[in-house]
């Protein structure tokens, strides 16, 4: 047994403390050194996994490009046998490890891409040309058969052509029983341009007449000889002065003005209303049946003379002058 004196105790305790401290520090460094390789291994594993994923992506892309090139090569070989360039026929390079092999591969891939693009462009052009010439069968095509609201439905569409436009603009009053009026002498008035400026008509406040199916049916009965109805339903009828009536021949218009003279024909029982000037220098005339004219007054020639009225109807030509034949009372309005 080893015996120690009491004086040696403090020295021994200090030595023990040093030994314990040194052992504790050594254990700490040993533990830290054991953890470092584990972290490096984790980092290495993550790096290897990332490299593997990148390699797999690159391989898949290369595989897709190779399959696409093989398909294009197959199509071009089936059509033309070989891919031809301006210089020579290219052959796919072998698995050589020479220094110029990579350069040849790049050139080959670039030329293949250019040739494939040109071939695809040709195919697309041929497709478009073919599609232009193809006419689909009517059994395969669905057509919208909704009826468009128009007053020309069921009639020949050539009525709206330019050939019929000239006939419509020169539409004359049909040959009906008409009494030729004889006048001894009438002073010639001033020109229509002068009267239009210095003796303009007072226009009505509001005229709003719209072309409807009912109006179309009634006007077909009123003017049976006219066959140039081209107005769509909902069309607002235009309004013009009696001075400008000559510009609307063959059209349904609202014409306003002041009646200069009224004349009655007892042979046909009709009243003639002349605007602007007396017959035969008038600008516009309206023919009203006696039965309809007498619904306004018992003496229509006195009632209408000097009044402002506006009438709605079809304008036609008679003896080179515009006129309107009225068959209904609602076509005449006072203002």
C-alpha atoms as a PDB file:
ATOM      1  CA  UNK A   1       0.000   0.000   0.000  1.00  0.00           C
ATOM      2  CA  UNK A   2       1.087   3.522  -0.783  1.00  0.00           C
ATOM      3  CA  UNK A   3       0.750   5.931   2.060  1.00  0.00           C
ATOM      4  CA  UNK A   4       0.461   9.712   1.663  1.00  0.00           C
ATOM      5  CA  UNK A   5       1.053  12.380   4.138  1.00  0.00           C
ATOM      6  CA  UNK A   6      -1.471  15.052   4.923  1.00  0.00           C
ATOM      7  CA  UNK A   7       0.821  17.646   3.429  1.00  0.00           C
ATOM      8  CA  UNK A   8       0.754  15.899   0.063  1.00  0.00           C
ATOM      9  CA  UNK A   9      -3.079  15.948  -0.246  1.00  0.00           C
ATOM     10  CA  UNK A  10      -3.471  19.346  -1.930  1.00  0.00           C
ATOM     11  CA  UNK A  11      -0.838  18.451  -4.523  1.00  0.00           C
ATOM     12  CA  UNK A  12      -2.596  15.182  -5.282  1.00  0.00           C
ATOM     13  CA  UNK A  13      -5.979  16.884  -5.700  1.00  0.00           C
ATOM     14  CA  UNK A  14      -4.524  19.386  -8.149  1.00  0.00           C
ATOM     15  CA  UNK A  15      -2.989  16.599 -10.195  1.00  0.00           C
ATOM     16  CA  UNK A  16      -6.273  14.704 -10.236  1.00  0.00           C
ATOM     17  CA  UNK A  17      -8.127  17.803 -11.405  1.00  0.00           C
ATOM     18  CA  UNK A  18      -5.642  18.284 -14.233  1.00  0.00           C
ATOM     19  CA  UNK A  19      -6.015  14.662 -15.293  1.00  0.00           C
ATOM     20  CA  UNK A  20      -9.809  14.926 -15.265  1.00  0.00           C
ATOM     21  CA  UNK A  21      -9.734  18.170 -17.262  1.00  0.00           C
ATOM     22  CA  UNK A  22      -7.365  16.743 -19.870  1.00  0.00           C
ATOM     23  CA  UNK A  23      -9.472  13.585 -20.212  1.00  0.00           C
ATOM     24  CA  UNK A  24     -12.638  15.666 -20.660  1.00  0.00           C
ATOM     25  CA  UNK A  25     -11.035  17.808 -23.419  1.00  0.00           C
ATOM     26  CA  UNK A  26      -9.732  14.716 -25.209  1.00  0.00           C
ATOM     27  CA  UNK A  27     -13.179  13.124 -25.148  1.00  0.00           C
ATOM     28  CA  UNK A  28     -14.713  16.335 -26.564  1.00  0.00           C
ATOM     29  CA  UNK A  29     -12.278  16.424 -29.485  1.00  0.00           C
ATOM     30  CA  UNK A  30     -12.795  12.728 -30.143  1.00  0.00           C
ATOM     31  CA  UNK A  31     -16.568  13.256 -30.363  1.00  0.00           C
ATOM     32  CA  UNK A  32     -16.139  16.228 -32.740  1.00  0.00           C
ATOM     33  CA  UNK A  33     -13.822  14.229 -34.955  1.00  0.00           C
ATOM     34  CA  UNK A  34     -16.336  11.405 -35.109  1.00  0.00           C
ATOM     35  CA  UNK A  35     -19.089  13.784 -36.292  1.00  0.00           C
ATOM     36  CA  UNK A  36     -17.048  15.357 -39.129  1.00  0.00           C
ATOM     37  CA  UNK A  37     -16.853  12.304 -41.395  1.00  0.00           C
ATOM     38  CA  UNK A  38     -20.593  11.684 -41.018  1.00  0.00           C
ATOM     39  CA  UNK A  39     -21.365  15.225 -42.279  1.00  0.00           C
ATOM     40  CA  UNK A  40     -18.936  14.874 -45.159  1.00  0.00           C
ATOM     41  CA  UNK A  41     -20.557  11.583 -46.054  1.00  0.00           C
ATOM     42  CA  UNK A  42     -24.014  13.221 -46.092  1.00  0.00           C
ATOM     43  CA  UNK A  43     -22.744  15.991 -48.365  1.00  0.00           C
ATOM     44  CA  UNK A  44     -21.111  13.434 -50.645  1.00  0.00           C
ATOM     45  CA  UNK A  45     -24.334  11.444 -50.831  1.00  0.00           C
ATOM     46  CA  UNK A  46     -26.366  14.575 -51.708  1.00  0.00           C
ATOM     47  CA  UNK A  47     -23.826  15.534 -54.378  1.00  0.00           C
ATOM     48  CA  UNK A  48     -23.887  12.071 -55.878  1.00  0.00           C
ATOM     49  CA  UNK A  49     -27.708  12.053 -55.891  1.00  0.00           C
ATOM     50  CA  UNK A  50     -27.808  15.458 -57.626  1.00  0.00           C
ATOM     51  CA  UNK A  51     -25.290  14.279 -60.213  1.00  0.00           C
ATOM     52  CA  UNK A  52     -27.306  11.136 -60.795  1.00  0.00           C
ATOM     53  CA  UNK A  53     -30.514  13.136 -61.313  1.00  0.00           C
ATOM     54  CA  UNK A  54     -28.746  15.470 -63.765  1.00  0.00           C
ATOM     55  CA  UNK A  55     -27.329  12.500 -65.638  1.00  0.00           C
ATOM     56  CA  UNK A  56     -30.759  10.877 -65.859  1.00  0.00           C
ATOM     57  CA  UNK A  57     -32.283  14.124 -67.201  1.00  0.00           C
ATOM     58  CA  UNK A  58     -29.519  14.465 -69.787  1.00  0.00           C
ATOM     59  CA  UNK A  59     -29.933  10.859 -70.812  1.00  0.00           C
ATOM     60  CA  UNK A  60     -33.694  11.264 -71.231  1.00  0.00           C
ATOM     61  CA  UNK A  61     -33.196  14.424 -73.334  1.00  0.00           C
ATOM     62  CA  UNK A  62     -30.582  12.705 -75.479  1.00  0.00           C
ATOM     63  CA  UNK A  63     -32.864   9.706 -75.883  1.00  0.00           C
ATOM     64  CA  UNK A  64     -35.764  11.939 -77.000  1.00  0.00           C
ATOM     65  CA  UNK A  65     -33.555  13.846 -79.447  1.00  0.00           C
ATOM     66  CA  UNK A  66     -32.185  10.580 -80.811  1.00  0.00           C
ATOM     67  CA  UNK A  67     -35.689   9.152 -81.237  1.00  0.00           C
ATOM     68  CA  UNK A  68     -36.805  12.377 -82.975  1.00  0.00           C
ATOM     69  CA  UNK A  69     -33.768  12.300 -85.267  1.00  0.00           C
ATOM     70  CA  UNK A  70     -34.313   8.620 -86.000  1.00  0.00           C
ATOM     71  CA  UNK A  71     -37.945   9.316 -86.932  1.00  0.00           C
ATOM     72  CA  UNK A  72     -36.971  12.220 -89.169  1.00  0.00           C
ATOM     73  CA  UNK A  73     -34.198  10.095 -90.733  1.00  0.00           C
ATOM     74  CA  UNK A  74     -36.677   7.306 -91.327  1.00  0.00           C
ATOM     75  CA  UNK A  75     -39.168   9.693 -92.970  1.00  0.00           C
ATOM     76  CA  UNK A  76     -36.531  11.303 -95.134  1.00  0.00           C
ATOM     77  CA  UNK A  77     -35.012   7.950 -96.106  1.00  0.00           C
ATOM     78  CA  UNK A  78     -38.424   6.576 -96.978  1.00  0.00           C
ATOM     79  CA  UNK A  79     -39.129   9.565 -99.256  1.00  0.00           C
ATOM     80  CA  UNK A  80     -35.744  10.428-100.743  1.00  0.00           C
ATOM     81  CA  UNK A  81     -33.504   7.506 -99.751  1.00  0.00           C
ATOM     82  CA  UNK A  82     -30.673   9.649 -98.315  1.00  0.00           C
ATOM     83  CA  UNK A  83     -30.216  13.085 -96.881  1.00  0.00           C
ATOM     84  CA  UNK A  84     -28.505  15.167 -99.498  1.00  0.00           C
ATOM     85  CA  UNK A  85     -26.643  18.408 -98.929  1.00  0.00           C
ATOM     86  CA  UNK A  86     -25.121  20.835-101.376  1.00  0.00           C
ATOM     87  CA  UNK A  87     -21.670  19.247-101.076  1.00  0.00           C
ATOM     88  CA  UNK A  88     -22.061  15.473-100.557  1.00  0.00           C
ATOM     89  CA  UNK A  89     -24.164  12.740 -99.018  1.00  0.00           C
ATOM     90  CA  UNK A  90     -23.575  12.484 -95.295  1.00  0.00           C
ATOM     91  CA  UNK A  91     -23.076   9.243 -93.444  1.00  0.00           C
ATOM     92  CA  UNK A  92     -23.448   8.883 -89.721  1.00  0.00           C
ATOM     93  CA  UNK A  93     -20.004   8.736 -88.071  1.00  0.00           C
ATOM     94  CA  UNK A  94     -18.924   5.562 -86.291  1.00  0.00           C
ATOM     95  CA  UNK A  95     -17.730   5.074 -82.736  1.00  0.00           C
ATOM     96  CA  UNK A  96     -14.198   6.388 -83.368  1.00  0.00           C
ATOM     97  CA  UNK A  97     -12.147   8.053 -80.709  1.00  0.00           C
ATOM     98  CA  UNK A  98     -10.246  10.372 -82.987  1.00  0.00           C
ATOM     99  CA  UNK A  99      -9.844  14.089 -82.269  1.00  0.00           C
ATOM    100  CA  UNK A 100     -12.089  15.108 -85.204  1.00  0.00           C
ATOM    101  CA  UNK A 101     -14.982  12.763 -84.367  1.00  0.00           C
ATOM    102  CA  UNK A 102     -16.776  15.218 -82.036  1.00  0.00           C
ATOM    103  CA  UNK A 103     -16.512  17.992 -84.595  1.00  0.00           C
ATOM    104  CA  UNK A 104     -17.976  15.744 -87.302  1.00  0.00           C
ATOM    105  CA  UNK A 105     -20.828  14.775 -84.997  1.00  0.00           C
ATOM    106  CA  UNK A 106     -21.709  18.428 -84.322  1.00  0.00           C
ATOM    107  CA  UNK A 107     -21.673  19.288 -88.002  1.00  0.00           C
ATOM    108  CA  UNK A 108     -23.777  16.245 -88.780  1.00  0.00           C
ATOM    109  CA  UNK A 109     -26.373  17.153 -86.125  1.00  0.00           C
ATOM    110  CA  UNK A 110     -26.608  20.758 -87.312  1.00  0.00           C
ATOM    111  CA  UNK A 111     -27.092  19.707 -90.935  1.00  0.00           C
ATOM    112  CA  UNK A 112     -29.683  17.139 -89.907  1.00  0.00           C
ATOM    113  CA  UNK A 113     -31.621  19.796 -88.031  1.00  0.00           C
ATOM    114  CA  UNK A 114     -31.564  22.197 -90.966  1.00  0.00           C
ATOM    115  CA  UNK A 115     -32.670  19.463 -93.376  1.00  0.00           C
ATOM    116  CA  UNK A 116     -35.451  18.377 -91.032  1.00  0.00           C
ATOM    117  CA  UNK A 117     -36.704  21.943 -90.712  1.00  0.00           C
ATOM    118  CA  UNK A 118     -36.770  22.401 -94.471  1.00  0.00           C
ATOM    119  CA  UNK A 119     -38.586  19.079 -94.913  1.00  0.00           C
ATOM    120  CA  UNK A 120     -41.151  19.969 -92.226  1.00  0.00           C
ATOM    121  CA  UNK A 121     -41.754  23.336 -93.861  1.00  0.00           C
ATOM    122  CA  UNK A 122     -42.384  21.620 -97.189  1.00  0.00           C
ATOM    123  CA  UNK A 123     -44.820  19.197 -95.568  1.00  0.00           C
ATOM    124  CA  UNK A 124     -46.718  22.027 -93.885  1.00  0.00           C
ATOM    125  CA  UNK A 125     -46.949  23.953 -97.163  1.00  0.00           C
ATOM    126  CA  UNK A 126     -48.224  20.900 -98.968  1.00  0.00           C
ATOM    127  CA  UNK A 127     -50.787  20.349 -96.237  1.00  0.00           C
ATOM    128  CA  UNK A 128     -52.064  23.901 -96.434  1.00  0.00           C
ATOM    129  CA  UNK A 129     -52.296  23.707-100.234  1.00  0.00           C
ATOM    130  CA  UNK A 130     -54.218  20.465 -99.976  1.00  0.00           C
ATOM    131  CA  UNK A 131     -56.583  21.860 -97.369  1.00  0.00           C
ATOM    132  CA  UNK A 132     -57.275  24.851 -99.584  1.00  0.00           C
ATOM    133  CA  UNK A 133     -58.360  22.607-102.447  1.00  0.00           C
ATOM    134  CA  UNK A 134     -60.445  20.237-100.314  1.00  0.00           C
ATOM    135  CA  UNK A 135     -64.157  20.983-100.063  1.00  0.00           C
ATOM    136  CA  UNK A 136     -65.925  19.399 -97.095  1.00  0.00           C
ATOM    137  CA  UNK A 137     -69.036  17.341 -97.577  1.00  0.00           C
ATOM    138  CA  UNK A 138     -72.222  19.122 -96.620  1.00  0.00           C
ATOM    139  CA  UNK A 139     -73.282  16.165 -94.506  1.00  0.00           C
ATOM    140  CA  UNK A 140     -70.260  16.713 -92.229  1.00  0.00           C
ATOM    141  CA  UNK A 141     -70.690  20.492 -91.916  1.00  0.00           C
ATOM    142  CA  UNK A 142     -73.112  22.038 -89.457  1.00  0.00           C
ATOM    143  CA  UNK A 143     -74.659  25.234 -90.820  1.00  0.00           C
ATOM    144  CA  UNK A 144     -76.533  27.796 -88.760  1.00  0.00           C
ATOM    145  CA  UNK A 145     -79.935  28.010 -90.436  1.00  0.00           C
ATOM    146  CA  UNK A 146     -81.416  30.847 -88.403  1.00  0.00           C
ATOM    147  CA  UNK A 147     -83.653  33.165 -90.372  1.00  0.00           C
ATOM    148  CA  UNK A 148     -82.159  36.641 -90.582  1.00  0.00           C
ATOM    149  CA  UNK A 149     -84.872  39.299 -90.232  1.00  0.00           C
ATOM    150  CA  UNK A 150     -85.072  40.894 -93.654  1.00  0.00           C
ATOM    151  CA  UNK A 151     -87.800  42.108 -95.962  1.00  0.00           C
ATOM    152  CA  UNK A 152     -86.136  40.335 -98.886  1.00  0.00           C
ATOM    153  CA  UNK A 153     -86.515  36.779 -97.502  1.00  0.00           C
ATOM    154  CA  UNK A 154     -87.806  34.319-100.068  1.00  0.00           C
ATOM    155  CA  UNK A 155     -86.838  36.576-102.974  1.00  0.00           C
ATOM    156  CA  UNK A 156     -83.988  36.559-105.456  1.00  0.00           C
ATOM    157  CA  UNK A 157     -80.758  37.869-103.887  1.00  0.00           C
ATOM    158  CA  UNK A 158     -79.737  39.451-107.181  1.00  0.00           C
ATOM    159  CA  UNK A 159     -82.223  42.243-106.464  1.00  0.00           C
ATOM    160  CA  UNK A 160     -79.579  43.872-104.276  1.00  0.00           C
ATOM    161  CA  UNK A 161     -76.968  43.765-107.047  1.00  0.00           C
ATOM    162  CA  UNK A 162     -75.729  46.762-109.023  1.00  0.00           C
ATOM    163  CA  UNK A 163     -77.792  45.843-112.085  1.00  0.00           C
ATOM    164  CA  UNK A 164     -81.033  46.323-110.166  1.00  0.00           C
ATOM    165  CA  UNK A 165     -79.806  49.432-108.349  1.00  0.00           C
ATOM    166  CA  UNK A 166     -80.000  51.438-111.566  1.00  0.00           C
ATOM    167  CA  UNK A 167     -83.563  50.227-112.200  1.00  0.00           C
ATOM    168  CA  UNK A 168     -84.556  51.104-108.650  1.00  0.00           C
ATOM    169  CA  UNK A 169     -83.170  54.648-108.943  1.00  0.00           C
ATOM    170  CA  UNK A 170     -85.078  55.200-112.194  1.00  0.00           C
ATOM    171  CA  UNK A 171     -88.332  53.620-111.004  1.00  0.00           C
ATOM    172  CA  UNK A 172     -91.322  55.199-112.761  1.00  0.00           C
ATOM    173  CA  UNK A 173     -94.927  55.264-111.706  1.00  0.00           C
ATOM    174  CA  UNK A 174     -96.703  52.282-113.301  1.00  0.00           C
ATOM    175  CA  UNK A 175     -99.102  52.908-116.172  1.00  0.00           C
ATOM    176  CA  UNK A 176    -102.410  53.662-114.523  1.00  0.00           C
ATOM    177  CA  UNK A 177    -105.408  55.671-115.567  1.00  0.00           C
ATOM    178  CA  UNK A 178    -104.165  59.243-115.369  1.00  0.00           C
ATOM    179  CA  UNK A 179    -105.754  62.476-116.637  1.00  0.00           C
ATOM    180  CA  UNK A 180    -103.386  64.828-118.366  1.00  0.00           C
ATOM    181  CA  UNK A 181    -103.833  68.289-116.905  1.00  0.00           C
ATOM    182  CA  UNK A 182    -103.822  71.257-119.258  1.00  0.00           C
ATOM    183  CA  UNK A 183    -102.564  74.658-118.118  1.00  0.00           C
ATOM    184  CA  UNK A 184    -102.714  77.850-120.175  1.00  0.00           C
ATOM    185  CA  UNK A 185     -99.865  79.863-118.740  1.00  0.00           C
ATOM    186  CA  UNK A 186     -97.863  79.654-115.511  1.00  0.00           C
ATOM    187  CA  UNK A 187     -95.032  81.964-114.605  1.00  0.00           C
ATOM    188  CA  UNK A 188     -91.762  80.106-114.261  1.00  0.00           C
ATOM    189  CA  UNK A 189     -90.479  80.297-110.653  1.00  0.00           C
ATOM    190  CA  UNK A 190     -86.895  80.752-109.499  1.00  0.00           C
ATOM    191  CA  UNK A 191     -84.484  77.844-109.494  1.00  0.00           C
ATOM    192  CA  UNK A 192     -84.792  75.146-106.881  1.00  0.00           C
ATOM    193  CA  UNK A 193     -81.337  75.995-105.468  1.00  0.00           C
ATOM    194  CA  UNK A 194     -82.432  79.574-104.845  1.00  0.00           C
ATOM    195  CA  UNK A 195     -85.743  78.555-103.256  1.00  0.00           C
ATOM    196  CA  UNK A 196     -84.027  75.906-101.159  1.00  0.00           C
ATOM    197  CA  UNK A 197     -81.874  78.617 -99.534  1.00  0.00           C
ATOM    198  CA  UNK A 198     -84.314  81.539 -99.296  1.00  0.00           C
ATOM    199  CA  UNK A 199     -87.612  79.651 -98.894  1.00  0.00           C
ATOM    200  CA  UNK A 200     -86.627  76.604 -96.865  1.00  0.00           C
ATOM    201  CA  UNK A 201     -89.381  74.513 -95.293  1.00  0.00           C
ATOM    202  CA  UNK A 202     -89.969  74.301 -91.574  1.00  0.00           C
ATOM    203  CA  UNK A 203     -89.041  70.772 -90.534  1.00  0.00           C
ATOM    204  CA  UNK A 204     -91.253  68.715 -88.189  1.00  0.00           C
ATOM    205  CA  UNK A 205     -90.044  68.229 -84.628  1.00  0.00           C
ATOM    206  CA  UNK A 206     -89.844  64.452 -84.406  1.00  0.00           C
ATOM    207  CA  UNK A 207     -90.363  61.768 -87.032  1.00  0.00           C
ATOM    208  CA  UNK A 208     -89.597  58.216 -85.959  1.00  0.00           C
ATOM    209  CA  UNK A 209     -90.878  55.532 -88.332  1.00  0.00           C
ATOM    210  CA  UNK A 210     -89.225  52.106 -88.352  1.00  0.00           C
ATOM    211  CA  UNK A 211     -89.484  49.407 -91.012  1.00  0.00           C
ATOM    212  CA  UNK A 212     -91.438  46.466 -89.578  1.00  0.00           C
ATOM    213  CA  UNK A 213     -92.891  43.209 -91.004  1.00  0.00           C
ATOM    214  CA  UNK A 214     -96.384  44.708 -90.881  1.00  0.00           C
ATOM    215  CA  UNK A 215     -95.222  47.778 -92.783  1.00  0.00           C
ATOM    216  CA  UNK A 216     -93.537  45.543 -95.358  1.00  0.00           C
ATOM    217  CA  UNK A 217     -96.743  43.543 -95.951  1.00  0.00           C
ATOM    218  CA  UNK A 218     -98.825  46.712 -96.330  1.00  0.00           C
ATOM    219  CA  UNK A 219     -96.382  48.369 -98.707  1.00  0.00           C
ATOM    220  CA  UNK A 220     -96.238  45.278-100.907  1.00  0.00           C
ATOM    221  CA  UNK A 221    -100.016  45.642-101.359  1.00  0.00           C
ATOM    222  CA  UNK A 222     -99.854  49.432-101.861  1.00  0.00           C
ATOM    223  CA  UNK A 223     -97.040  49.209-104.451  1.00  0.00           C
ATOM    224  CA  UNK A 224     -97.430  45.769-106.088  1.00  0.00           C
ATOM    225  CA  UNK A 225     -95.279  46.631-109.140  1.00  0.00           C
ATOM    226  CA  UNK A 226     -92.239  47.544-107.021  1.00  0.00           C
ATOM    227  CA  UNK A 227     -89.978  44.551-106.239  1.00  0.00           C
ATOM    228  CA  UNK A 228     -86.821  46.131-104.839  1.00  0.00           C
ATOM    229  CA  UNK A 229     -87.566  45.862-101.109  1.00  0.00           C
ATOM    230  CA  UNK A 230     -84.191  45.567 -99.401  1.00  0.00           C
ATOM    231  CA  UNK A 231     -84.753  47.187 -95.986  1.00  0.00           C
ATOM    232  CA  UNK A 232     -83.905  45.114 -92.880  1.00  0.00           C
ATOM    233  CA  UNK A 233     -86.428  45.031 -90.066  1.00  0.00           C
ATOM    234  CA  UNK A 234     -85.710  47.813 -87.578  1.00  0.00           C
ATOM    235  CA  UNK A 235     -84.429  50.203 -90.261  1.00  0.00           C
ATOM    236  CA  UNK A 236     -85.311  53.831 -89.502  1.00  0.00           C
ATOM    237  CA  UNK A 237     -86.969  55.548 -92.467  1.00  0.00           C
ATOM    238  CA  UNK A 238     -85.110  58.639 -93.630  1.00  0.00           C
ATOM    239  CA  UNK A 239     -86.620  62.126 -93.612  1.00  0.00           C
ATOM    240  CA  UNK A 240     -86.032  64.635 -96.410  1.00  0.00           C
ATOM    241  CA  UNK A 241     -87.344  67.941 -97.640  1.00  0.00           C
ATOM    242  CA  UNK A 242     -89.546  68.200-100.733  1.00  0.00           C
ATOM    243  CA  UNK A 243     -86.658  70.006-102.439  1.00  0.00           C
ATOM    244  CA  UNK A 244     -84.504  66.845-102.078  1.00  0.00           C
ATOM    245  CA  UNK A 245     -87.140  64.298-103.046  1.00  0.00           C
ATOM    246  CA  UNK A 246     -85.537  63.726-106.446  1.00  0.00           C
ATOM    247  CA  UNK A 247     -82.507  62.161-104.721  1.00  0.00           C
ATOM    248  CA  UNK A 248     -84.617  59.413-103.103  1.00  0.00           C
ATOM    249  CA  UNK A 249     -86.351  57.849-106.104  1.00  0.00           C
ATOM    250  CA  UNK A 250     -87.066  54.152-105.506  1.00  0.00           C
ATOM    251  CA  UNK A 251     -86.885  54.521-101.702  1.00  0.00           C
ATOM    252  CA  UNK A 252     -89.364  54.779 -98.842  1.00  0.00           C
ATOM    253  CA  UNK A 253     -88.882  58.244 -97.336  1.00  0.00           C
ATOM    254  CA  UNK A 254     -90.610  60.750 -95.059  1.00  0.00           C
ATOM    255  CA  UNK A 255     -91.028  63.918 -97.172  1.00  0.00           C
ATOM    256  CA  UNK A 256     -92.043  67.196 -95.551  1.00  0.00           C
ATOM    257  CA  UNK A 257     -92.884  70.597 -96.977  1.00  0.00           C
ATOM    258  CA  UNK A 258     -95.579  73.155 -97.710  1.00  0.00           C
ATOM    259  CA  UNK A 259     -98.354  72.440-100.213  1.00  0.00           C
ATOM    260  CA  UNK A 260     -98.260  75.166-102.833  1.00  0.00           C
ATOM    261  CA  UNK A 261    -101.263  73.997-104.888  1.00  0.00           C
ATOM    262  CA  UNK A 262    -103.994  71.318-104.680  1.00  0.00           C
ATOM    263  CA  UNK A 263    -105.946  70.071-107.697  1.00  0.00           C
ATOM    264  CA  UNK A 264    -108.843  67.612-107.984  1.00  0.00           C
ATOM    265  CA  UNK A 265    -109.417  65.231-110.931  1.00  0.00           C
ATOM    266  CA  UNK A 266    -113.086  64.204-111.070  1.00  0.00           C
ATOM    267  CA  UNK A 267    -112.401  61.561-113.765  1.00  0.00           C
ATOM    268  CA  UNK A 268    -110.230  59.473-111.420  1.00  0.00           C
ATOM    269  CA  UNK A 269    -111.420  60.929-108.075  1.00  0.00           C
ATOM    270  CA  UNK A 270    -107.889  61.841-106.988  1.00  0.00           C
ATOM    271  CA  UNK A 271    -106.306  64.871-105.385  1.00  0.00           C
ATOM    272  CA  UNK A 272    -102.900  66.154-106.464  1.00  0.00           C
ATOM    273  CA  UNK A 273    -100.808  68.084-103.939  1.00  0.00           C
ATOM    274  CA  UNK A 274     -97.936  70.089-105.461  1.00  0.00           C
ATOM    275  CA  UNK A 275     -94.955  71.300-103.414  1.00  0.00           C
ATOM    276  CA  UNK A 276     -92.625  74.220-104.107  1.00  0.00           C
ATOM    277  CA  UNK A 277     -94.305  75.677-107.177  1.00  0.00           C
ATOM    278  CA  UNK A 278     -97.480  75.275-109.283  1.00  0.00           C
ATOM    279  CA  UNK A 279     -97.865  72.603-111.932  1.00  0.00           C
ATOM    280  CA  UNK A 280     -95.833  71.915-114.139  1.00  0.00           C
ATOM    281  CA  UNK A 281     -92.891  73.536-112.294  1.00  0.00           C
ATOM    282  CA  UNK A 282     -93.482  71.800-109.002  1.00  0.00           C
ATOM    283  CA  UNK A 283     -90.656  70.094-107.076  1.00  0.00           C
ATOM    284  CA  UNK A 284     -92.660  67.189-105.665  1.00  0.00           C
ATOM    285  CA  UNK A 285     -96.252  65.921-105.843  1.00  0.00           C
ATOM    286  CA  UNK A 286     -98.477  63.600-103.807  1.00  0.00           C
ATOM    287  CA  UNK A 287    -101.435  61.678-105.275  1.00  0.00           C
ATOM    288  CA  UNK A 288    -104.202  60.995-102.722  1.00  0.00           C
ATOM    289  CA  UNK A 289    -107.442  59.067-103.425  1.00  0.00           C
ATOM    290  CA  UNK A 290    -110.556  61.189-102.991  1.00  0.00           C
ATOM    291  CA  UNK A 291    -112.058  58.885-100.357  1.00  0.00           C
ATOM    292  CA  UNK A 292    -108.962  59.160 -98.145  1.00  0.00           C
ATOM    293  CA  UNK A 293    -108.536  62.905 -98.712  1.00  0.00           C
ATOM    294  CA  UNK A 294    -112.130  63.635 -97.695  1.00  0.00           C
ATOM    295  CA  UNK A 295    -111.468  61.980 -94.322  1.00  0.00           C
ATOM    296  CA  UNK A 296    -109.496  65.102 -93.399  1.00  0.00           C
ATOM    297  CA  UNK A 297    -112.065  67.615 -94.644  1.00  0.00           C
ATOM    298  CA  UNK A 298    -115.072  67.858 -96.940  1.00  0.00           C
ATOM    299  CA  UNK A 299    -113.102  70.181 -99.245  1.00  0.00           C
ATOM    300  CA  UNK A 300    -109.561  68.762 -99.358  1.00  0.00           C
ATOM    301  CA  UNK A 301    -108.289  71.160-102.087  1.00  0.00           C
ATOM    302  CA  UNK A 302    -109.008  74.090 -99.754  1.00  0.00           C
ATOM    303  CA  UNK A 303    -107.892  72.241 -96.636  1.00  0.00           C
ATOM    304  CA  UNK A 304    -104.446  71.161 -97.886  1.00  0.00           C
ATOM    305  CA  UNK A 305    -103.451  74.276 -99.830  1.00  0.00           C
ATOM    306  CA  UNK A 306    -100.869  76.311 -97.886  1.00  0.00           C
ATOM    307  CA  UNK A 307    -100.463  73.677 -95.122  1.00  0.00           C
ATOM    308  CA  UNK A 308     -97.306  72.015 -93.859  1.00  0.00           C
ATOM    309  CA  UNK A 309     -97.542  68.237 -94.137  1.00  0.00           C
ATOM    310  CA  UNK A 310     -95.203  65.253 -94.210  1.00  0.00           C
ATOM    311  CA  UNK A 311     -95.988  62.025 -96.026  1.00  0.00           C
ATOM    312  CA  UNK A 312     -94.456  58.547 -95.864  1.00  0.00           C
ATOM    313  CA  UNK A 313     -94.247  56.328 -98.926  1.00  0.00           C
ATOM    314  CA  UNK A 314     -92.380  55.205-102.009  1.00  0.00           C
ATOM    315  CA  UNK A 315     -91.044  57.912-104.337  1.00  0.00           C
ATOM    316  CA  UNK A 316     -91.293  57.309-108.081  1.00  0.00           C
ATOM    317  CA  UNK A 317     -90.850  59.350-111.259  1.00  0.00           C
ATOM    318  CA  UNK A 318     -93.673  60.685-113.398  1.00  0.00           C
ATOM    319  CA  UNK A 319     -92.911  62.971-116.346  1.00  0.00           C
ATOM    320  CA  UNK A 320     -89.422  63.519-114.925  1.00  0.00           C
ATOM    321  CA  UNK A 321     -90.721  64.755-111.552  1.00  0.00           C
ATOM    322  CA  UNK A 322     -90.696  62.880-108.214  1.00  0.00           C
ATOM    323  CA  UNK A 323     -94.081  61.929-106.856  1.00  0.00           C
ATOM    324  CA  UNK A 324     -95.603  59.709-104.172  1.00  0.00           C
ATOM    325  CA  UNK A 325     -98.827  57.709-104.426  1.00  0.00           C
ATOM    326  CA  UNK A 326    -100.649  57.486-101.087  1.00  0.00           C
ATOM    327  CA  UNK A 327    -103.261  54.805-100.379  1.00  0.00           C
ATOM    328  CA  UNK A 328    -103.728  55.048 -96.586  1.00  0.00           C
ATOM    329  CA  UNK A 329    -104.713  57.920 -94.330  1.00  0.00           C
ATOM    330  CA  UNK A 330    -101.887  57.254 -91.835  1.00  0.00           C
ATOM    331  CA  UNK A 331     -99.356  58.067 -94.555  1.00  0.00           C
ATOM    332  CA  UNK A 332    -100.276  61.770 -94.349  1.00  0.00           C
ATOM    333  CA  UNK A 333     -99.466  63.874 -91.286  1.00  0.00           C
ATOM    334  CA  UNK A 334    -100.028  67.562 -90.515  1.00  0.00           C
ATOM    335  CA  UNK A 335     -97.591  69.642 -88.493  1.00  0.00           C
END
